[in-house]
Amino acid sequence: MSQTKEERLQLRVAPAAKHHLESAAEAAHLNLSSFVLQAAIQRADEILADRALINLKAEAAEAFLDALEAPATVNDRLLDALQRSPKVDWLD
């Protein structure tokens, strides 16, 4: 069952941006409004997921806080990795 759409969202875009969105919407077999709304909701979900709360039981929360407050320990493998030169190929 579909919900009644009661709200309106308006935005201004450059002609090139509108054409780009229209092309993508056509490729996705959606009308422009559906395409833009779907893309905006997907991006909003991604951003909000990064800010989601994690509910922990009291014991788990206490263990988490203890781990955060504990001094860091560096084992031999980590120390070796930190001292190596990074193997990164940069693309220009």
PDB file of N, CA and C in Angstrom:
ATOM      1  N   MET A   1       0.842  -1.166   0.000  1.00  0.00           N
ATOM      2  CA  MET A   1       0.000   0.000   0.000  1.00  0.00           C
ATOM      3  C   MET A   1       0.895   1.240   0.000  1.00  0.00           C
ATOM      4  N   SER A   2       0.633   2.172  -0.900  1.00  0.00           N
ATOM      5  CA  SER A   2       1.466   3.371  -0.965  1.00  0.00           C
ATOM      6  C   SER A   2       0.942   4.449  -0.026  1.00  0.00           C
ATOM      7  N   GLN A   3       1.852   5.271   0.411  1.00  0.00           N
ATOM      8  CA  GLN A   3       1.484   6.350   1.311  1.00  0.00           C
ATOM      9  C   GLN A   3       1.147   7.589   0.504  1.00  0.00           C
ATOM     10  N   THR A   4       0.253   8.399   1.050  1.00  0.00           N
ATOM     11  CA  THR A   4      -0.096   9.654   0.408  1.00  0.00           C
ATOM     12  C   THR A   4       1.064  10.624   0.583  1.00  0.00           C
ATOM     13  N   LYS A   5       1.454  11.261  -0.501  1.00  0.00           N
ATOM     14  CA  LYS A   5       2.542  12.235  -0.446  1.00  0.00           C
ATOM     15  C   LYS A   5       1.945  13.600  -0.163  1.00  0.00           C
ATOM     16  N   GLU A   6       2.285  14.147   0.980  1.00  0.00           N
ATOM     17  CA  GLU A   6       1.710  15.430   1.378  1.00  0.00           C
ATOM     18  C   GLU A   6       2.731  16.565   1.363  1.00  0.00           C
ATOM     19  N   GLU A   7       3.996  16.231   1.399  1.00  0.00           N
ATOM     20  CA  GLU A   7       5.038  17.250   1.472  1.00  0.00           C
ATOM     21  C   GLU A   7       5.658  17.479   0.102  1.00  0.00           C
ATOM     22  N   ARG A   8       6.192  18.675  -0.074  1.00  0.00           N
ATOM     23  CA  ARG A   8       6.837  19.036  -1.329  1.00  0.00           C
ATOM     24  C   ARG A   8       8.260  19.491  -1.025  1.00  0.00           C
ATOM     25  N   LEU A   9       9.178  19.123  -1.897  1.00  0.00           N
ATOM     26  CA  LEU A   9      10.567  19.537  -1.788  1.00  0.00           C
ATOM     27  C   LEU A   9      10.947  20.170  -3.115  1.00  0.00           C
ATOM     28  N   GLN A  10      11.428  21.401  -3.055  1.00  0.00           N
ATOM     29  CA  GLN A  10      11.797  22.099  -4.279  1.00  0.00           C
ATOM     30  C   GLN A  10      13.276  22.451  -4.234  1.00  0.00           C
ATOM     31  N   LEU A  11      13.937  22.367  -5.389  1.00  0.00           N
ATOM     32  CA  LEU A  11      15.323  22.788  -5.455  1.00  0.00           C
ATOM     33  C   LEU A  11      15.633  23.312  -6.841  1.00  0.00           C
ATOM     34  N   ARG A  12      16.603  24.192  -6.883  1.00  0.00           N
ATOM     35  CA  ARG A  12      17.047  24.752  -8.161  1.00  0.00           C
ATOM     36  C   ARG A  12      18.370  24.093  -8.529  1.00  0.00           C
ATOM     37  N   VAL A  13      18.517  23.771  -9.813  1.00  0.00           N
ATOM     38  CA  VAL A  13      19.735  23.136 -10.292  1.00  0.00           C
ATOM     39  C   VAL A  13      20.157  23.778 -11.606  1.00  0.00           C
ATOM     40  N   ALA A  14      21.429  23.661 -11.894  1.00  0.00           N
ATOM     41  CA  ALA A  14      21.946  24.130 -13.184  1.00  0.00           C
ATOM     42  C   ALA A  14      21.406  23.209 -14.278  1.00  0.00           C
ATOM     43  N   PRO A  15      21.241  23.736 -15.478  1.00  0.00           N
ATOM     44  CA  PRO A  15      20.729  22.904 -16.583  1.00  0.00           C
ATOM     45  C   PRO A  15      21.555  21.641 -16.811  1.00  0.00           C
ATOM     46  N   ALA A  16      22.865  21.738 -16.689  1.00  0.00           N
ATOM     47  CA  ALA A  16      23.710  20.558 -16.912  1.00  0.00           C
ATOM     48  C   ALA A  16      23.466  19.503 -15.833  1.00  0.00           C
ATOM     49  N   ALA A  17      23.272  19.950 -14.605  1.00  0.00           N
ATOM     50  CA  ALA A  17      23.008  19.008 -13.514  1.00  0.00           C
ATOM     51  C   ALA A  17      21.664  18.322 -13.719  1.00  0.00           C
ATOM     52  N   LYS A  18      20.672  19.089 -14.147  1.00  0.00           N
ATOM     53  CA  LYS A  18      19.344  18.502 -14.393  1.00  0.00           C
ATOM     54  C   LYS A  18      19.420  17.475 -15.516  1.00  0.00           C
ATOM     55  N   HIS A  19      20.133  17.799 -16.566  1.00  0.00           N
ATOM     56  CA  HIS A  19      20.267  16.866 -17.688  1.00  0.00           C
ATOM     57  C   HIS A  19      20.959  15.579 -17.231  1.00  0.00           C
ATOM     58  N   HIS A  20      21.990  15.735 -16.405  1.00  0.00           N
ATOM     59  CA  HIS A  20      22.718  14.583 -15.870  1.00  0.00           C
ATOM     60  C   HIS A  20      21.791  13.695 -15.046  1.00  0.00           C
ATOM     61  N   LEU A  21      21.007  14.300 -14.181  1.00  0.00           N
ATOM     62  CA  LEU A  21      20.052  13.553 -13.352  1.00  0.00           C
ATOM     63  C   LEU A  21      18.980  12.888 -14.207  1.00  0.00           C
ATOM     64  N   GLU A  22      18.494  13.600 -15.214  1.00  0.00           N
ATOM     65  CA  GLU A  22      17.482  13.020 -16.108  1.00  0.00           C
ATOM     66  C   GLU A  22      18.026  11.799 -16.848  1.00  0.00           C
ATOM     67  N   SER A  23      19.270  11.887 -17.292  1.00  0.00           N
ATOM     68  CA  SER A  23      19.887  10.750 -17.993  1.00  0.00           C
ATOM     69  C   SER A  23      20.003   9.542 -17.075  1.00  0.00           C
ATOM     70  N   ALA A  24      20.433   9.791 -15.836  1.00  0.00           N
ATOM     71  CA  ALA A  24      20.559   8.695 -14.873  1.00  0.00           C
ATOM     72  C   ALA A  24      19.194   8.117 -14.522  1.00  0.00           C
ATOM     73  N   ALA A  25      18.209   8.970 -14.350  1.00  0.00           N
ATOM     74  CA  ALA A  25      16.854   8.500 -14.030  1.00  0.00           C
ATOM     75  C   ALA A  25      16.312   7.636 -15.162  1.00  0.00           C
ATOM     76  N   GLU A  26      16.543   8.065 -16.386  1.00  0.00           N
ATOM     77  CA  GLU A  26      16.086   7.286 -17.540  1.00  0.00           C
ATOM     78  C   GLU A  26      16.778   5.922 -17.577  1.00  0.00           C
ATOM     79  N   ALA A  27      18.079   5.913 -17.297  1.00  0.00           N
ATOM     80  CA  ALA A  27      18.827   4.653 -17.293  1.00  0.00           C
ATOM     81  C   ALA A  27      18.326   3.713 -16.196  1.00  0.00           C
ATOM     82  N   ALA A  28      17.830   4.286 -15.099  1.00  0.00           N
ATOM     83  CA  ALA A  28      17.308   3.487 -13.985  1.00  0.00           C
ATOM     84  C   ALA A  28      15.826   3.174 -14.155  1.00  0.00           C
ATOM     85  N   HIS A  29      15.239   3.626 -15.262  1.00  0.00           N
ATOM     86  CA  HIS A  29      13.816   3.409 -15.549  1.00  0.00           C
ATOM     87  C   HIS A  29      12.926   4.014 -14.455  1.00  0.00           C
ATOM     88  N   LEU A  30      13.299   5.224 -14.034  1.00  0.00           N
ATOM     89  CA  LEU A  30      12.533   5.951 -13.031  1.00  0.00           C
ATOM     90  C   LEU A  30      12.254   7.347 -13.547  1.00  0.00           C
ATOM     91  N   ASN A  31      11.189   7.958 -13.024  1.00  0.00           N
ATOM     92  CA  ASN A  31      11.003   9.361 -13.357  1.00  0.00           C
ATOM     93  C   ASN A  31      11.983  10.174 -12.517  1.00  0.00           C
ATOM     94  N   LEU A  32      12.189  11.423 -12.890  1.00  0.00           N
ATOM     95  CA  LEU A  32      13.210  12.238 -12.245  1.00  0.00           C
ATOM     96  C   LEU A  32      12.957  12.392 -10.750  1.00  0.00           C
ATOM     97  N   SER A  33      11.729  12.648 -10.370  1.00  0.00           N
ATOM     98  CA  SER A  33      11.416  12.827  -8.944  1.00  0.00           C
ATOM     99  C   SER A  33      11.728  11.571  -8.145  1.00  0.00           C
ATOM    100  N   SER A  34      11.324  10.419  -8.644  1.00  0.00           N
ATOM    101  CA  SER A  34      11.583   9.163  -7.936  1.00  0.00           C
ATOM    102  C   SER A  34      13.076   8.895  -7.828  1.00  0.00           C
ATOM    103  N   PHE A  35      13.804   9.166  -8.909  1.00  0.00           N
ATOM    104  CA  PHE A  35      15.248   8.936  -8.908  1.00  0.00           C
ATOM    105  C   PHE A  35      15.941   9.815  -7.870  1.00  0.00           C
ATOM    106  N   VAL A  36      15.632  11.109  -7.886  1.00  0.00           N
ATOM    107  CA  VAL A  36      16.281  12.040  -6.961  1.00  0.00           C
ATOM    108  C   VAL A  36      15.901  11.708  -5.522  1.00  0.00           C
ATOM    109  N   LEU A  37      14.633  11.408  -5.271  1.00  0.00           N
ATOM    110  CA  LEU A  37      14.204  11.067  -3.918  1.00  0.00           C
ATOM    111  C   LEU A  37      14.886   9.798  -3.432  1.00  0.00           C
ATOM    112  N   GLN A  38      14.947   8.787  -4.287  1.00  0.00           N
ATOM    113  CA  GLN A  38      15.592   7.525  -3.915  1.00  0.00           C
ATOM    114  C   GLN A  38      17.072   7.732  -3.600  1.00  0.00           C
ATOM    115  N   ALA A  39      17.754   8.508  -4.419  1.00  0.00           N
ATOM    116  CA  ALA A  39      19.176   8.777  -4.200  1.00  0.00           C
ATOM    117  C   ALA A  39      19.390   9.584  -2.923  1.00  0.00           C
ATOM    118  N   ALA A  40      18.542  10.556  -2.684  1.00  0.00           N
ATOM    119  CA  ALA A  40      18.673  11.389  -1.484  1.00  0.00           C
ATOM    120  C   ALA A  40      18.418  10.573  -0.221  1.00  0.00           C
ATOM    121  N   ILE A  41      17.418   9.716  -0.250  1.00  0.00           N
ATOM    122  CA  ILE A  41      17.118   8.882   0.919  1.00  0.00           C
ATOM    123  C   ILE A  41      18.251   7.901   1.175  1.00  0.00           C
ATOM    124  N   GLN A  42      18.798   7.314   0.122  1.00  0.00           N
ATOM    125  CA  GLN A  42      19.913   6.383   0.284  1.00  0.00           C
ATOM    126  C   GLN A  42      21.106   7.089   0.930  1.00  0.00           C
ATOM    127  N   ARG A  43      21.423   8.291   0.464  1.00  0.00           N
ATOM    128  CA  ARG A  43      22.554   9.036   1.030  1.00  0.00           C
ATOM    129  C   ARG A  43      22.266   9.442   2.477  1.00  0.00           C
ATOM    130  N   ALA A  44      21.039   9.840   2.755  1.00  0.00           N
ATOM    131  CA  ALA A  44      20.662  10.199   4.125  1.00  0.00           C
ATOM    132  C   ALA A  44      20.822   8.999   5.050  1.00  0.00           C
ATOM    133  N   ASP A  45      20.411   7.824   4.590  1.00  0.00           N
ATOM    134  CA  ASP A  45      20.561   6.606   5.396  1.00  0.00           C
ATOM    135  C   ASP A  45      22.024   6.317   5.693  1.00  0.00           C
ATOM    136  N   GLU A  46      22.897   6.515   4.694  1.00  0.00           N
ATOM    137  CA  GLU A  46      24.327   6.285   4.902  1.00  0.00           C
ATOM    138  C   GLU A  46      24.888   7.230   5.960  1.00  0.00           C
ATOM    139  N   ILE A  47      24.525   8.494   5.871  1.00  0.00           N
ATOM    140  CA  ILE A  47      25.028   9.484   6.821  1.00  0.00           C
ATOM    141  C   ILE A  47      24.501   9.213   8.218  1.00  0.00           C
ATOM    142  N   LEU A  48      23.215   8.914   8.314  1.00  0.00           N
ATOM    143  CA  LEU A  48      22.616   8.681   9.631  1.00  0.00           C
ATOM    144  C   LEU A  48      23.110   7.383  10.257  1.00  0.00           C
ATOM    145  N   ALA A  49      23.457   6.406   9.442  1.00  0.00           N
ATOM    146  CA  ALA A  49      23.974   5.140   9.977  1.00  0.00           C
ATOM    147  C   ALA A  49      25.294   5.368  10.711  1.00  0.00           C
ATOM    148  N   ASP A  50      26.074   6.344  10.246  1.00  0.00           N
ATOM    149  CA  ASP A  50      27.333   6.658  10.913  1.00  0.00           C
ATOM    150  C   ASP A  50      27.117   7.290  12.282  1.00  0.00           C
ATOM    151  N   ARG A  51      25.929   7.799  12.507  1.00  0.00           N
ATOM    152  CA  ARG A  51      25.648   8.470  13.764  1.00  0.00           C
ATOM    153  C   ARG A  51      24.698   7.658  14.648  1.00  0.00           C
ATOM    154  N   ALA A  52      24.493   6.417  14.274  1.00  0.00           N
ATOM    155  CA  ALA A  52      23.553   5.571  15.006  1.00  0.00           C
ATOM    156  C   ALA A  52      24.057   5.288  16.414  1.00  0.00           C
ATOM    157  N   LEU A  53      23.146   5.166  17.309  1.00  0.00           N
ATOM    158  CA  LEU A  53      23.477   4.811  18.683  1.00  0.00           C
ATOM    159  C   LEU A  53      23.610   3.303  18.806  1.00  0.00           C
ATOM    160  N   ILE A  54      24.498   2.890  19.644  1.00  0.00           N
ATOM    161  CA  ILE A  54      24.645   1.470  19.926  1.00  0.00           C
ATOM    162  C   ILE A  54      24.183   1.246  21.353  1.00  0.00           C
ATOM    163  N   ASN A  55      23.162   0.447  21.518  1.00  0.00           N
ATOM    164  CA  ASN A  55      22.640   0.155  22.850  1.00  0.00           C
ATOM    165  C   ASN A  55      23.374  -1.045  23.429  1.00  0.00           C
ATOM    166  N   LEU A  56      23.940  -0.842  24.600  1.00  0.00           N
ATOM    167  CA  LEU A  56      24.666  -1.908  25.271  1.00  0.00           C
ATOM    168  C   LEU A  56      24.062  -2.155  26.646  1.00  0.00           C
ATOM    169  N   LYS A  57      24.133  -3.394  27.065  1.00  0.00           N
ATOM    170  CA  LYS A  57      23.754  -3.705  28.439  1.00  0.00           C
ATOM    171  C   LYS A  57      24.795  -3.058  29.352  1.00  0.00           C
ATOM    172  N   ALA A  58      24.450  -2.850  30.599  1.00  0.00           N
ATOM    173  CA  ALA A  58      25.328  -2.158  31.537  1.00  0.00           C
ATOM    174  C   ALA A  58      26.709  -2.798  31.611  1.00  0.00           C
ATOM    175  N   GLU A  59      26.756  -4.129  31.649  1.00  0.00           N
ATOM    176  CA  GLU A  59      28.049  -4.825  31.747  1.00  0.00           C
ATOM    177  C   GLU A  59      28.893  -4.593  30.495  1.00  0.00           C
ATOM    178  N   ALA A  60      28.267  -4.650  29.341  1.00  0.00           N
ATOM    179  CA  ALA A  60      29.003  -4.444  28.096  1.00  0.00           C
ATOM    180  C   ALA A  60      29.473  -3.004  27.985  1.00  0.00           C
ATOM    181  N   ALA A  61      28.648  -2.060  28.404  1.00  0.00           N
ATOM    182  CA  ALA A  61      29.039  -0.652  28.367  1.00  0.00           C
ATOM    183  C   ALA A  61      30.222  -0.407  29.287  1.00  0.00           C
ATOM    184  N   GLU A  62      30.211  -1.016  30.448  1.00  0.00           N
ATOM    185  CA  GLU A  62      31.311  -0.854  31.395  1.00  0.00           C
ATOM    186  C   GLU A  62      32.605  -1.456  30.836  1.00  0.00           C
ATOM    187  N   ALA A  63      32.505  -2.615  30.221  1.00  0.00           N
ATOM    188  CA  ALA A  63      33.676  -3.247  29.619  1.00  0.00           C
ATOM    189  C   ALA A  63      34.226  -2.386  28.477  1.00  0.00           C
ATOM    190  N   PHE A  64      33.338  -1.791  27.708  1.00  0.00           N
ATOM    191  CA  PHE A  64      33.744  -0.920  26.604  1.00  0.00           C
ATOM    192  C   PHE A  64      34.478   0.302  27.149  1.00  0.00           C
ATOM    193  N   LEU A  65      33.920   0.937  28.166  1.00  0.00           N
ATOM    194  CA  LEU A  65      34.565   2.106  28.759  1.00  0.00           C
ATOM    195  C   LEU A  65      35.910   1.741  29.378  1.00  0.00           C
ATOM    196  N   ASP A  66      35.992   0.596  30.022  1.00  0.00           N
ATOM    197  CA  ASP A  66      37.265   0.139  30.595  1.00  0.00           C
ATOM    198  C   ASP A  66      38.315  -0.027  29.498  1.00  0.00           C
ATOM    199  N   ALA A  67      37.905  -0.586  28.367  1.00  0.00           N
ATOM    200  CA  ALA A  67      38.831  -0.788  27.260  1.00  0.00           C
ATOM    201  C   ALA A  67      39.310   0.551  26.697  1.00  0.00           C
ATOM    202  N   LEU A  68      38.407   1.533  26.637  1.00  0.00           N
ATOM    203  CA  LEU A  68      38.791   2.849  26.137  1.00  0.00           C
ATOM    204  C   LEU A  68      39.777   3.541  27.075  1.00  0.00           C
ATOM    205  N   GLU A  69      39.594   3.334  28.354  1.00  0.00           N
ATOM    206  CA  GLU A  69      40.433   4.003  29.346  1.00  0.00           C
ATOM    207  C   GLU A  69      41.755   3.281  29.595  1.00  0.00           C
ATOM    208  N   ALA A  70      41.859   2.045  29.188  1.00  0.00           N
ATOM    209  CA  ALA A  70      43.084   1.270  29.419  1.00  0.00           C
ATOM    210  C   ALA A  70      44.200   1.793  28.522  1.00  0.00           C
ATOM    211  N   PRO A  71      45.420   1.805  29.028  1.00  0.00           N
ATOM    212  CA  PRO A  71      46.526   2.251  28.168  1.00  0.00           C
ATOM    213  C   PRO A  71      46.710   1.297  26.998  1.00  0.00           C
ATOM    214  N   ALA A  72      47.087   1.860  25.872  1.00  0.00           N
ATOM    215  CA  ALA A  72      47.296   1.045  24.676  1.00  0.00           C
ATOM    216  C   ALA A  72      48.521   0.166  24.852  1.00  0.00           C
ATOM    217  N   THR A  73      48.450  -1.007  24.284  1.00  0.00           N
ATOM    218  CA  THR A  73      49.606  -1.900  24.302  1.00  0.00           C
ATOM    219  C   THR A  73      50.022  -2.175  22.869  1.00  0.00           C
ATOM    220  N   VAL A  74      51.303  -2.213  22.649  1.00  0.00           N
ATOM    221  CA  VAL A  74      51.833  -2.456  21.313  1.00  0.00           C
ATOM    222  C   VAL A  74      52.605  -3.768  21.350  1.00  0.00           C
ATOM    223  N   ASN A  75      52.116  -4.751  20.595  1.00  0.00           N
ATOM    224  CA  ASN A  75      52.852  -6.020  20.527  1.00  0.00           C
ATOM    225  C   ASN A  75      53.900  -5.941  19.415  1.00  0.00           C
ATOM    226  N   ASP A  76      54.717  -6.947  19.316  1.00  0.00           N
ATOM    227  CA  ASP A  76      55.829  -6.932  18.358  1.00  0.00           C
ATOM    228  C   ASP A  76      55.357  -6.812  16.912  1.00  0.00           C
ATOM    229  N   ARG A  77      54.285  -7.498  16.561  1.00  0.00           N
ATOM    230  CA  ARG A  77      53.788  -7.433  15.178  1.00  0.00           C
ATOM    231  C   ARG A  77      53.309  -6.036  14.832  1.00  0.00           C
ATOM    232  N   LEU A  78      52.595  -5.383  15.767  1.00  0.00           N
ATOM    233  CA  LEU A  78      52.125  -4.028  15.518  1.00  0.00           C
ATOM    234  C   LEU A  78      53.299  -3.067  15.423  1.00  0.00           C
ATOM    235  N   LEU A  79      54.257  -3.190  16.302  1.00  0.00           N
ATOM    236  CA  LEU A  79      55.433  -2.324  16.274  1.00  0.00           C
ATOM    237  C   LEU A  79      56.171  -2.468  14.949  1.00  0.00           C
ATOM    238  N   ASP A  80      56.324  -3.693  14.475  1.00  0.00           N
ATOM    239  CA  ASP A  80      56.973  -3.943  13.192  1.00  0.00           C
ATOM    240  C   ASP A  80      56.199  -3.273  12.053  1.00  0.00           C
ATOM    241  N   ALA A  81      54.898  -3.410  12.076  1.00  0.00           N
ATOM    242  CA  ALA A  81      54.059  -2.810  11.026  1.00  0.00           C
ATOM    243  C   ALA A  81      54.147  -1.287  11.055  1.00  0.00           C
ATOM    244  N   LEU A  82      54.192  -0.705  12.236  1.00  0.00           N
ATOM    245  CA  LEU A  82      54.259   0.752  12.348  1.00  0.00           C
ATOM    246  C   LEU A  82      55.603   1.300  11.881  1.00  0.00           C
ATOM    247  N   GLN A  83      56.645   0.509  11.952  1.00  0.00           N
ATOM    248  CA  GLN A  83      57.974   0.974  11.570  1.00  0.00           C
ATOM    249  C   GLN A  83      58.283   0.755  10.095  1.00  0.00           C
ATOM    250  N   ARG A  84      57.491  -0.049   9.407  1.00  0.00           N
ATOM    251  CA  ARG A  84      57.708  -0.296   7.978  1.00  0.00           C
ATOM    252  C   ARG A  84      57.248   0.893   7.151  1.00  0.00           C
ATOM    253  N   SER A  85      57.881   1.078   6.000  1.00  0.00           N
ATOM    254  CA  SER A  85      57.423   2.108   5.062  1.00  0.00           C
ATOM    255  C   SER A  85      56.127   1.632   4.431  1.00  0.00           C
ATOM    256  N   PRO A  86      55.164   2.523   4.284  1.00  0.00           N
ATOM    257  CA  PRO A  86      53.909   2.098   3.659  1.00  0.00           C
ATOM    258  C   PRO A  86      54.124   1.765   2.189  1.00  0.00           C
ATOM    259  N   LYS A  87      53.434   0.740   1.727  1.00  0.00           N
ATOM    260  CA  LYS A  87      53.501   0.336   0.326  1.00  0.00           C
ATOM    261  C   LYS A  87      52.265   0.865  -0.370  1.00  0.00           C
ATOM    262  N   VAL A  88      52.366   2.102  -0.842  1.00  0.00           N
ATOM    263  CA  VAL A  88      51.217   2.776  -1.458  1.00  0.00           C
ATOM    264  C   VAL A  88      51.615   3.267  -2.833  1.00  0.00           C
ATOM    265  N   ASP A  89      50.813   2.968  -3.816  1.00  0.00           N
ATOM    266  CA  ASP A  89      50.992   3.506  -5.154  1.00  0.00           C
ATOM    267  C   ASP A  89      49.938   4.571  -5.364  1.00  0.00           C
ATOM    268  N   TRP A  90      50.370   5.805  -5.487  1.00  0.00           N
ATOM    269  CA  TRP A  90      49.436   6.919  -5.675  1.00  0.00           C
ATOM    270  C   TRP A  90      49.142   7.084  -7.160  1.00  0.00           C
ATOM    271  N   LEU A  91      47.888   7.259  -7.475  1.00  0.00           N
ATOM    272  CA  LEU A  91      47.476   7.502  -8.846  1.00  0.00           C
ATOM    273  C   LEU A  91      47.289   8.998  -9.038  1.00  0.00           C
ATOM    274  N   ASP A  92      47.892   9.539 -10.050  1.00  0.00           N
ATOM    275  CA  ASP A  92      47.747  10.985 -10.318  1.00  0.00           C
ATOM    276  C   ASP A  92      46.830  11.203 -11.475  1.00  0.00           C
TER     277      ASP A  92
END
